[in-house]
Amino acid sequence: MTKITGTPIRTVRMDDSLWKRFGKVADDRSAVLRAFIHWYIGDEGWPMPTRKVEPITEAEDSHSGA
């Protein structure tokens, strides 16, 4: 079920394999992207988002059967 927050939906284009790998390491992809954008534009109090896990390479992902 999609959580409706009242903010407009934005479309981002990227390769399916990149989006899937991102989903494996980000609990909430939208929250990570919002935090990154706040940091990137220099909003006060927003540190650069950090990874909670080791990065997943495409080679590792292709062996998982996903």
Protein backbone atom coordinates (compact mmCIF):
# COMPACT_ATOMS: atom_id res chain seq x y z
CA MET A 1 0.00 0.00 0.00
CA THR A 2 1.35 3.42 -0.97
CA LYS A 3 1.67 5.95 1.83
CA ILE A 4 0.15 9.26 0.76
CA THR A 5 1.91 12.25 2.27
CA GLY A 6 0.51 15.10 0.24
CA THR A 7 3.73 15.71 -1.67
CA PRO A 8 3.75 15.40 -5.47
CA ILE A 9 5.12 12.24 -7.04
CA ARG A 10 8.36 12.77 -8.98
CA THR A 11 9.69 10.48 -11.67
CA VAL A 12 13.34 9.48 -11.77
CA ARG A 13 14.73 7.44 -14.65
CA MET A 14 17.39 4.82 -14.00
CA ASP A 15 18.37 1.32 -15.00
CA ASP A 16 16.28 -1.44 -13.38
CA SER A 17 19.34 -3.23 -11.98
CA LEU A 18 20.54 -0.03 -10.27
CA TRP A 19 17.07 0.59 -8.75
CA LYS A 20 16.89 -3.00 -7.46
CA ARG A 21 20.39 -2.82 -5.91
CA PHE A 22 19.45 0.50 -4.27
CA GLY A 23 16.34 -1.14 -2.81
CA LYS A 24 18.44 -3.89 -1.25
CA VAL A 25 20.48 -1.42 0.79
CA ALA A 26 17.93 1.35 1.43
CA ASP A 27 14.99 0.68 3.74
CA ASP A 28 13.16 3.68 2.22
CA ARG A 29 14.56 4.77 -1.13
CA SER A 30 12.49 7.98 -1.15
CA ALA A 31 13.76 9.04 2.27
CA VAL A 32 17.38 8.41 1.22
CA LEU A 33 16.89 10.42 -1.98
CA ARG A 34 15.23 13.31 -0.10
CA ALA A 35 18.05 13.37 2.47
CA PHE A 36 20.64 13.36 -0.32
CA ILE A 37 18.94 16.26 -2.09
CA HIS A 38 18.72 18.32 1.13
CA TRP A 39 22.44 17.69 1.71
CA TYR A 40 23.36 18.33 -1.93
CA ILE A 41 21.68 21.75 -2.10
CA GLY A 42 23.22 22.72 1.23
CA ASP A 43 20.20 22.81 3.53
CA GLU A 44 21.39 23.45 7.07
CA GLY A 45 21.35 20.45 9.39
CA TRP A 46 21.32 17.80 6.66
CA PRO A 47 24.49 15.67 6.69
CA MET A 48 25.34 13.52 3.68
CA PRO A 49 23.38 10.25 3.94
CA THR A 50 25.50 7.29 4.98
CA ARG A 51 25.22 3.66 3.93
CA LYS A 52 24.12 1.24 6.63
CA VAL A 53 25.51 -1.79 4.78
CA GLU A 54 28.30 -2.69 2.40
CA PRO A 55 27.59 -1.74 -1.22
CA ILE A 56 26.25 -4.43 -3.55
CA THR A 57 28.01 -4.73 -6.90
CA GLU A 58 26.19 -5.81 -10.06
CA ALA A 59 28.32 -8.95 -10.18
CA GLU A 60 27.32 -9.93 -6.62
CA ASP A 61 23.67 -9.17 -7.34
CA SER A 62 23.58 -11.32 -10.49
CA HIS A 63 24.71 -14.36 -8.44
CA SER A 64 21.85 -13.99 -5.97
CA GLY A 65 19.23 -15.04 -8.51
CA ALA A 66 17.40 -11.73 -8.23
